[in-house]
């Protein structure tokens, strides 16, 4: 039985989009290249040269699995494909593809989903800042479920309001650090059907003190003082005839 190429599953998501402008080859040619790009990135390859090198060293069996019918092309072919891809479109397609690989959480489930930001290395340009990405990490999948760049004029907390709209939060437990412990963010998660687990630090005394009280021992119901009187006393032991 023929094993389907890994690029076919991703191609099912690409069919909703028009043929890429600027790419001369038809879809049958650039489809395996797209699969190689995705697999190369998942294995740690960074940049089109590293992706091309990773593809070349895999051998004919992996080439066929990716969908290539001949030896993989040169690095510039991967570069041209990446330049022709719209970043937002690529992000949307990869997100759809990942959703097909992972079952959606059940309504009463609390699947761990981490909200965090990261500054990308080697992205600093003249008169600009490094690219900073805000991501939602699916802990069961072990990969980024959705992400977006943070505008230099704003911060992660404000950008998270838009990022949270891109994922169905029902059945998810969103965890984040103290930066995201804000009323608007928490309310949006709850309104979307999810739950949240946030860190509260000392620089938020108005929030930390009530939260600490809610989890203190004084908050827990104490047993009644006469509770012992209502408990039945154990029956007295009766000695047997043998004195045992």
C-alpha atoms as a PDB file:
ATOM      1  CA  UNK A   1       0.000   0.000   0.000  1.00  0.00           C
ATOM      2  CA  UNK A   2       1.278   3.441  -0.892  1.00  0.00           C
ATOM      3  CA  UNK A   3       2.048   5.719   2.079  1.00  0.00           C
ATOM      4  CA  UNK A   4       0.658   9.220   1.426  1.00  0.00           C
ATOM      5  CA  UNK A   5       3.217  12.005   1.284  1.00  0.00           C
ATOM      6  CA  UNK A   6       3.311  14.338   4.237  1.00  0.00           C
ATOM      7  CA  UNK A   7       2.758  17.284   1.915  1.00  0.00           C
ATOM      8  CA  UNK A   8      -0.704  16.039   0.916  1.00  0.00           C
ATOM      9  CA  UNK A   9      -2.217  16.789   4.333  1.00  0.00           C
ATOM     10  CA  UNK A  10      -0.849  20.323   4.223  1.00  0.00           C
ATOM     11  CA  UNK A  11      -1.986  20.660   0.611  1.00  0.00           C
ATOM     12  CA  UNK A  12      -5.602  20.066   1.639  1.00  0.00           C
ATOM     13  CA  UNK A  13      -5.403  23.331   3.563  1.00  0.00           C
ATOM     14  CA  UNK A  14      -3.626  25.139   0.719  1.00  0.00           C
ATOM     15  CA  UNK A  15      -6.378  24.330  -1.779  1.00  0.00           C
ATOM     16  CA  UNK A  16      -8.513  27.119  -0.323  1.00  0.00           C
ATOM     17  CA  UNK A  17      -5.989  29.700  -1.473  1.00  0.00           C
ATOM     18  CA  UNK A  18      -5.135  30.784  -5.042  1.00  0.00           C
ATOM     19  CA  UNK A  19      -1.928  29.729  -6.748  1.00  0.00           C
ATOM     20  CA  UNK A  20       0.931  31.787  -5.382  1.00  0.00           C
ATOM     21  CA  UNK A  21       1.779  34.875  -7.370  1.00  0.00           C
ATOM     22  CA  UNK A  22       5.391  35.039  -8.490  1.00  0.00           C
ATOM     23  CA  UNK A  23       5.965  31.279  -8.432  1.00  0.00           C
ATOM     24  CA  UNK A  24       6.424  29.953 -11.970  1.00  0.00           C
ATOM     25  CA  UNK A  25       6.168  26.263 -11.133  1.00  0.00           C
ATOM     26  CA  UNK A  26       2.769  24.693 -10.662  1.00  0.00           C
ATOM     27  CA  UNK A  27       1.418  23.398  -7.354  1.00  0.00           C
ATOM     28  CA  UNK A  28       2.675  19.854  -7.908  1.00  0.00           C
ATOM     29  CA  UNK A  29       6.236  21.193  -7.904  1.00  0.00           C
ATOM     30  CA  UNK A  30       6.119  23.617  -4.979  1.00  0.00           C
ATOM     31  CA  UNK A  31       3.910  21.390  -2.802  1.00  0.00           C
ATOM     32  CA  UNK A  32       6.837  19.094  -1.739  1.00  0.00           C
ATOM     33  CA  UNK A  33       9.003  22.170  -1.228  1.00  0.00           C
ATOM     34  CA  UNK A  34       6.428  23.531   1.181  1.00  0.00           C
ATOM     35  CA  UNK A  35       6.380  20.190   3.020  1.00  0.00           C
ATOM     36  CA  UNK A  36      10.192  20.264   3.212  1.00  0.00           C
ATOM     37  CA  UNK A  37      10.097  23.803   4.609  1.00  0.00           C
ATOM     38  CA  UNK A  38       7.628  22.816   7.315  1.00  0.00           C
ATOM     39  CA  UNK A  39       9.514  19.649   8.289  1.00  0.00           C
ATOM     40  CA  UNK A  40      12.839  21.453   8.183  1.00  0.00           C
ATOM     41  CA  UNK A  41      11.586  24.156  10.534  1.00  0.00           C
ATOM     42  CA  UNK A  42      10.163  21.548  12.909  1.00  0.00           C
ATOM     43  CA  UNK A  43      13.571  19.854  13.113  1.00  0.00           C
ATOM     44  CA  UNK A  44      15.370  23.113  13.894  1.00  0.00           C
ATOM     45  CA  UNK A  45      16.540  24.312  10.466  1.00  0.00           C
ATOM     46  CA  UNK A  46      16.610  28.119  10.276  1.00  0.00           C
ATOM     47  CA  UNK A  47      16.847  29.879   6.940  1.00  0.00           C
ATOM     48  CA  UNK A  48      16.343  28.654   3.397  1.00  0.00           C
ATOM     49  CA  UNK A  49      19.915  27.364   3.100  1.00  0.00           C
ATOM     50  CA  UNK A  50      19.566  25.248   6.222  1.00  0.00           C
ATOM     51  CA  UNK A  51      16.212  23.910   5.005  1.00  0.00           C
ATOM     52  CA  UNK A  52      17.694  22.967   1.631  1.00  0.00           C
ATOM     53  CA  UNK A  53      20.667  21.283   3.321  1.00  0.00           C
ATOM     54  CA  UNK A  54      18.380  19.359   5.679  1.00  0.00           C
ATOM     55  CA  UNK A  55      16.305  18.162   2.717  1.00  0.00           C
ATOM     56  CA  UNK A  56      19.355  17.041   0.723  1.00  0.00           C
ATOM     57  CA  UNK A  57      20.829  14.896   3.503  1.00  0.00           C
ATOM     58  CA  UNK A  58      17.602  12.931   4.120  1.00  0.00           C
ATOM     59  CA  UNK A  59      17.970  10.594   1.170  1.00  0.00           C
ATOM     60  CA  UNK A  60      15.624   9.271  -1.543  1.00  0.00           C
ATOM     61  CA  UNK A  61      13.166   7.558   0.831  1.00  0.00           C
ATOM     62  CA  UNK A  62      12.409  10.806   2.668  1.00  0.00           C
ATOM     63  CA  UNK A  63      12.357  12.746  -0.606  1.00  0.00           C
ATOM     64  CA  UNK A  64       9.570  10.489  -1.856  1.00  0.00           C
ATOM     65  CA  UNK A  65       7.766  10.797   1.480  1.00  0.00           C
ATOM     66  CA  UNK A  66       7.862  14.575   1.128  1.00  0.00           C
ATOM     67  CA  UNK A  67       6.483  14.324  -2.406  1.00  0.00           C
ATOM     68  CA  UNK A  68       9.600  14.900  -4.532  1.00  0.00           C
ATOM     69  CA  UNK A  69       9.857  12.851  -7.709  1.00  0.00           C
ATOM     70  CA  UNK A  70      13.515  13.751  -8.248  1.00  0.00           C
ATOM     71  CA  UNK A  71      16.449  15.219  -6.348  1.00  0.00           C
ATOM     72  CA  UNK A  72      15.423  18.298  -4.284  1.00  0.00           C
ATOM     73  CA  UNK A  73      16.151  21.690  -5.833  1.00  0.00           C
ATOM     74  CA  UNK A  74      18.808  24.223  -4.897  1.00  0.00           C
ATOM     75  CA  UNK A  75      18.474  26.616  -1.918  1.00  0.00           C
ATOM     76  CA  UNK A  76      17.326  29.502  -4.122  1.00  0.00           C
ATOM     77  CA  UNK A  77      14.188  27.546  -5.050  1.00  0.00           C
ATOM     78  CA  UNK A  78      13.206  27.449  -1.375  1.00  0.00           C
ATOM     79  CA  UNK A  79      14.093  31.114  -1.059  1.00  0.00           C
ATOM     80  CA  UNK A  80      11.872  32.104  -3.999  1.00  0.00           C
ATOM     81  CA  UNK A  81       8.959  30.153  -2.553  1.00  0.00           C
ATOM     82  CA  UNK A  82       9.334  31.784   0.858  1.00  0.00           C
ATOM     83  CA  UNK A  83       9.491  35.235  -0.719  1.00  0.00           C
ATOM     84  CA  UNK A  84       6.264  34.540  -2.627  1.00  0.00           C
ATOM     85  CA  UNK A  85       4.378  33.436   0.468  1.00  0.00           C
ATOM     86  CA  UNK A  86       2.354  35.989   2.375  1.00  0.00           C
ATOM     87  CA  UNK A  87       3.318  35.595   6.065  1.00  0.00           C
ATOM     88  CA  UNK A  88      -0.295  35.907   7.232  1.00  0.00           C
ATOM     89  CA  UNK A  89      -1.439  33.314   4.690  1.00  0.00           C
ATOM     90  CA  UNK A  90       1.357  30.910   5.633  1.00  0.00           C
ATOM     91  CA  UNK A  91       0.515  31.328   9.315  1.00  0.00           C
ATOM     92  CA  UNK A  92      -3.162  30.648   8.664  1.00  0.00           C
ATOM     93  CA  UNK A  93      -2.481  27.522   6.605  1.00  0.00           C
ATOM     94  CA  UNK A  94      -0.059  26.059   9.137  1.00  0.00           C
ATOM     95  CA  UNK A  95      -2.565  26.705  11.907  1.00  0.00           C
ATOM     96  CA  UNK A  96      -5.297  24.889   9.965  1.00  0.00           C
ATOM     97  CA  UNK A  97      -2.912  22.024   9.287  1.00  0.00           C
ATOM     98  CA  UNK A  98      -1.987  21.694  12.962  1.00  0.00           C
ATOM     99  CA  UNK A  99      -5.665  21.612  13.899  1.00  0.00           C
ATOM    100  CA  UNK A 100      -6.100  18.552  11.672  1.00  0.00           C
ATOM    101  CA  UNK A 101      -3.290  16.780  13.535  1.00  0.00           C
ATOM    102  CA  UNK A 102      -4.661  17.468  17.006  1.00  0.00           C
ATOM    103  CA  UNK A 103      -8.152  16.876  18.312  1.00  0.00           C
ATOM    104  CA  UNK A 104      -9.937  19.918  19.639  1.00  0.00           C
ATOM    105  CA  UNK A 105     -10.321  20.001  23.439  1.00  0.00           C
ATOM    106  CA  UNK A 106     -13.592  18.873  24.972  1.00  0.00           C
ATOM    107  CA  UNK A 107     -15.854  21.577  26.466  1.00  0.00           C
ATOM    108  CA  UNK A 108     -15.147  20.392  30.037  1.00  0.00           C
ATOM    109  CA  UNK A 109     -11.424  19.825  29.409  1.00  0.00           C
ATOM    110  CA  UNK A 110      -8.660  22.080  30.729  1.00  0.00           C
ATOM    111  CA  UNK A 111      -5.973  21.625  28.075  1.00  0.00           C
ATOM    112  CA  UNK A 112      -2.847  23.559  28.940  1.00  0.00           C
ATOM    113  CA  UNK A 113      -2.161  26.511  26.626  1.00  0.00           C
ATOM    114  CA  UNK A 114       0.712  28.867  27.438  1.00  0.00           C
ATOM    115  CA  UNK A 115       0.716  32.545  26.486  1.00  0.00           C
ATOM    116  CA  UNK A 116       4.214  33.973  26.181  1.00  0.00           C
ATOM    117  CA  UNK A 117       6.383  36.281  24.109  1.00  0.00           C
ATOM    118  CA  UNK A 118       9.843  35.864  22.610  1.00  0.00           C
ATOM    119  CA  UNK A 119      12.272  38.172  20.834  1.00  0.00           C
ATOM    120  CA  UNK A 120      13.781  36.630  17.697  1.00  0.00           C
ATOM    121  CA  UNK A 121      17.547  36.708  17.381  1.00  0.00           C
ATOM    122  CA  UNK A 122      19.270  38.208  14.327  1.00  0.00           C
ATOM    123  CA  UNK A 123      16.206  40.264  13.342  1.00  0.00           C
ATOM    124  CA  UNK A 124      17.583  43.675  14.277  1.00  0.00           C
ATOM    125  CA  UNK A 125      17.607  46.170  11.389  1.00  0.00           C
ATOM    126  CA  UNK A 126      18.660  49.790  11.125  1.00  0.00           C
ATOM    127  CA  UNK A 127      16.460  52.139  13.182  1.00  0.00           C
ATOM    128  CA  UNK A 128      14.196  49.216  14.132  1.00  0.00           C
ATOM    129  CA  UNK A 129      13.802  46.792  17.009  1.00  0.00           C
ATOM    130  CA  UNK A 130      14.148  43.045  16.954  1.00  0.00           C
ATOM    131  CA  UNK A 131      11.039  41.172  15.902  1.00  0.00           C
ATOM    132  CA  UNK A 132       9.034  40.211  18.978  1.00  0.00           C
ATOM    133  CA  UNK A 133       6.471  37.410  18.691  1.00  0.00           C
ATOM    134  CA  UNK A 134       3.597  36.602  21.007  1.00  0.00           C
ATOM    135  CA  UNK A 135       2.585  32.946  20.906  1.00  0.00           C
ATOM    136  CA  UNK A 136      -0.005  30.529  22.201  1.00  0.00           C
ATOM    137  CA  UNK A 137       1.695  27.186  22.870  1.00  0.00           C
ATOM    138  CA  UNK A 138      -0.432  24.059  22.895  1.00  0.00           C
ATOM    139  CA  UNK A 139       1.193  21.903  25.582  1.00  0.00           C
ATOM    140  CA  UNK A 140      -0.309  18.676  24.262  1.00  0.00           C
ATOM    141  CA  UNK A 141       0.897  19.350  20.721  1.00  0.00           C
ATOM    142  CA  UNK A 142       4.223  20.691  21.923  1.00  0.00           C
ATOM    143  CA  UNK A 143       4.179  23.466  19.331  1.00  0.00           C
ATOM    144  CA  UNK A 144       2.901  26.945  18.670  1.00  0.00           C
ATOM    145  CA  UNK A 145      -0.828  26.967  18.013  1.00  0.00           C
ATOM    146  CA  UNK A 146      -1.021  30.621  16.997  1.00  0.00           C
ATOM    147  CA  UNK A 147       1.317  33.605  17.041  1.00  0.00           C
ATOM    148  CA  UNK A 148       1.629  37.174  15.867  1.00  0.00           C
ATOM    149  CA  UNK A 149       4.218  39.924  15.864  1.00  0.00           C
ATOM    150  CA  UNK A 150       3.966  42.559  18.576  1.00  0.00           C
ATOM    151  CA  UNK A 151       3.875  46.098  17.221  1.00  0.00           C
ATOM    152  CA  UNK A 152       6.808  48.166  18.577  1.00  0.00           C
ATOM    153  CA  UNK A 153       4.357  50.887  19.666  1.00  0.00           C
ATOM    154  CA  UNK A 154       2.438  48.569  22.015  1.00  0.00           C
ATOM    155  CA  UNK A 155       3.179  45.729  24.450  1.00  0.00           C
ATOM    156  CA  UNK A 156       2.438  42.031  24.875  1.00  0.00           C
ATOM    157  CA  UNK A 157      -0.568  42.576  27.128  1.00  0.00           C
ATOM    158  CA  UNK A 158      -2.438  44.660  24.545  1.00  0.00           C
ATOM    159  CA  UNK A 159      -1.380  42.407  21.660  1.00  0.00           C
ATOM    160  CA  UNK A 160      -2.686  39.342  23.492  1.00  0.00           C
ATOM    161  CA  UNK A 161      -6.268  40.617  23.165  1.00  0.00           C
ATOM    162  CA  UNK A 162      -6.059  40.134  19.395  1.00  0.00           C
ATOM    163  CA  UNK A 163      -4.088  36.885  19.562  1.00  0.00           C
ATOM    164  CA  UNK A 164      -6.653  35.237  21.844  1.00  0.00           C
ATOM    165  CA  UNK A 165      -9.324  35.847  19.199  1.00  0.00           C
ATOM    166  CA  UNK A 166      -7.529  33.552  16.732  1.00  0.00           C
ATOM    167  CA  UNK A 167      -7.987  30.395  18.839  1.00  0.00           C
ATOM    168  CA  UNK A 168     -11.086  28.640  20.152  1.00  0.00           C
ATOM    169  CA  UNK A 169     -10.539  28.842  23.909  1.00  0.00           C
ATOM    170  CA  UNK A 170     -13.346  26.559  24.998  1.00  0.00           C
ATOM    171  CA  UNK A 171     -11.817  23.645  26.894  1.00  0.00           C
ATOM    172  CA  UNK A 172      -8.437  25.384  27.284  1.00  0.00           C
ATOM    173  CA  UNK A 173      -6.581  26.574  30.384  1.00  0.00           C
ATOM    174  CA  UNK A 174      -4.524  29.619  29.432  1.00  0.00           C
ATOM    175  CA  UNK A 175      -1.481  30.127  31.658  1.00  0.00           C
ATOM    176  CA  UNK A 176       0.634  33.277  31.616  1.00  0.00           C
ATOM    177  CA  UNK A 177       2.949  35.355  33.765  1.00  0.00           C
ATOM    178  CA  UNK A 178       2.102  38.471  35.764  1.00  0.00           C
ATOM    179  CA  UNK A 179       2.251  40.748  32.718  1.00  0.00           C
ATOM    180  CA  UNK A 180      -1.036  39.307  31.453  1.00  0.00           C
ATOM    181  CA  UNK A 181      -2.816  39.365  34.808  1.00  0.00           C
ATOM    182  CA  UNK A 182      -5.266  42.068  33.756  1.00  0.00           C
ATOM    183  CA  UNK A 183      -9.014  42.327  33.938  1.00  0.00           C
ATOM    184  CA  UNK A 184      -9.611  42.688  30.178  1.00  0.00           C
ATOM    185  CA  UNK A 185      -7.475  39.664  29.288  1.00  0.00           C
ATOM    186  CA  UNK A 186      -8.978  37.404  31.940  1.00  0.00           C
ATOM    187  CA  UNK A 187     -12.503  38.508  31.051  1.00  0.00           C
ATOM    188  CA  UNK A 188     -11.932  37.820  27.356  1.00  0.00           C
ATOM    189  CA  UNK A 189     -10.701  34.304  28.125  1.00  0.00           C
ATOM    190  CA  UNK A 190     -13.734  33.573  30.290  1.00  0.00           C
ATOM    191  CA  UNK A 191     -16.169  35.067  27.766  1.00  0.00           C
ATOM    192  CA  UNK A 192     -14.626  32.809  25.095  1.00  0.00           C
ATOM    193  CA  UNK A 193     -15.325  29.698  27.170  1.00  0.00           C
ATOM    194  CA  UNK A 194     -11.821  29.160  28.543  1.00  0.00           C
ATOM    195  CA  UNK A 195     -10.126  29.296  31.938  1.00  0.00           C
ATOM    196  CA  UNK A 196      -6.971  31.069  33.033  1.00  0.00           C
ATOM    197  CA  UNK A 197      -4.103  30.593  35.463  1.00  0.00           C
ATOM    198  CA  UNK A 198      -2.099  33.786  36.049  1.00  0.00           C
ATOM    199  CA  UNK A 199       0.838  34.756  38.238  1.00  0.00           C
ATOM    200  CA  UNK A 200       0.357  37.623  40.721  1.00  0.00           C
ATOM    201  CA  UNK A 201       3.473  39.419  41.998  1.00  0.00           C
ATOM    202  CA  UNK A 202       4.233  41.900  44.769  1.00  0.00           C
ATOM    203  CA  UNK A 203       3.897  44.892  42.451  1.00  0.00           C
ATOM    204  CA  UNK A 204       0.134  44.213  42.304  1.00  0.00           C
ATOM    205  CA  UNK A 205      -0.741  44.556  46.015  1.00  0.00           C
ATOM    206  CA  UNK A 206      -4.422  45.382  45.395  1.00  0.00           C
ATOM    207  CA  UNK A 207      -4.775  42.063  43.595  1.00  0.00           C
ATOM    208  CA  UNK A 208      -2.337  39.887  45.510  1.00  0.00           C
ATOM    209  CA  UNK A 209      -3.756  40.545  48.993  1.00  0.00           C
ATOM    210  CA  UNK A 210      -7.376  39.510  48.202  1.00  0.00           C
ATOM    211  CA  UNK A 211      -6.106  36.504  46.241  1.00  0.00           C
ATOM    212  CA  UNK A 212      -3.909  35.464  49.137  1.00  0.00           C
ATOM    213  CA  UNK A 213      -6.811  35.742  51.544  1.00  0.00           C
ATOM    214  CA  UNK A 214      -8.976  33.530  49.367  1.00  0.00           C
ATOM    215  CA  UNK A 215      -6.411  30.750  49.620  1.00  0.00           C
ATOM    216  CA  UNK A 216      -5.499  31.265  53.278  1.00  0.00           C
ATOM    217  CA  UNK A 217      -6.431  28.901  56.075  1.00  0.00           C
ATOM    218  CA  UNK A 218      -8.751  31.504  57.609  1.00  0.00           C
ATOM    219  CA  UNK A 219     -10.874  31.431  54.465  1.00  0.00           C
ATOM    220  CA  UNK A 220     -11.519  27.685  54.724  1.00  0.00           C
ATOM    221  CA  UNK A 221     -14.551  26.682  56.815  1.00  0.00           C
ATOM    222  CA  UNK A 222     -13.524  25.649  60.277  1.00  0.00           C
ATOM    223  CA  UNK A 223     -15.017  22.618  61.966  1.00  0.00           C
ATOM    224  CA  UNK A 224     -17.662  23.390  64.572  1.00  0.00           C
ATOM    225  CA  UNK A 225     -16.563  23.398  68.213  1.00  0.00           C
ATOM    226  CA  UNK A 226     -19.208  20.847  69.156  1.00  0.00           C
ATOM    227  CA  UNK A 227     -18.569  18.648  66.145  1.00  0.00           C
ATOM    228  CA  UNK A 228     -16.953  16.051  68.364  1.00  0.00           C
ATOM    229  CA  UNK A 229     -20.080  15.795  70.492  1.00  0.00           C
ATOM    230  CA  UNK A 230     -22.123  14.812  67.449  1.00  0.00           C
ATOM    231  CA  UNK A 231     -19.720  12.071  66.425  1.00  0.00           C
ATOM    232  CA  UNK A 232     -20.699   8.633  67.731  1.00  0.00           C
ATOM    233  CA  UNK A 233     -18.380   7.287  70.370  1.00  0.00           C
ATOM    234  CA  UNK A 234     -16.728   3.962  69.700  1.00  0.00           C
ATOM    235  CA  UNK A 235     -18.373   0.999  71.384  1.00  0.00           C
ATOM    236  CA  UNK A 236     -16.522  -0.214  74.480  1.00  0.00           C
ATOM    237  CA  UNK A 237     -14.483  -3.324  74.060  1.00  0.00           C
ATOM    238  CA  UNK A 238     -15.768  -6.339  75.990  1.00  0.00           C
ATOM    239  CA  UNK A 239     -13.340  -8.798  77.395  1.00  0.00           C
ATOM    240  CA  UNK A 240     -13.946 -12.360  76.574  1.00  0.00           C
ATOM    241  CA  UNK A 241     -14.109 -15.199  79.003  1.00  0.00           C
ATOM    242  CA  UNK A 242     -10.499 -16.028  78.202  1.00  0.00           C
ATOM    243  CA  UNK A 243      -9.368 -12.466  79.126  1.00  0.00           C
ATOM    244  CA  UNK A 244      -8.416 -11.563  75.539  1.00  0.00           C
END
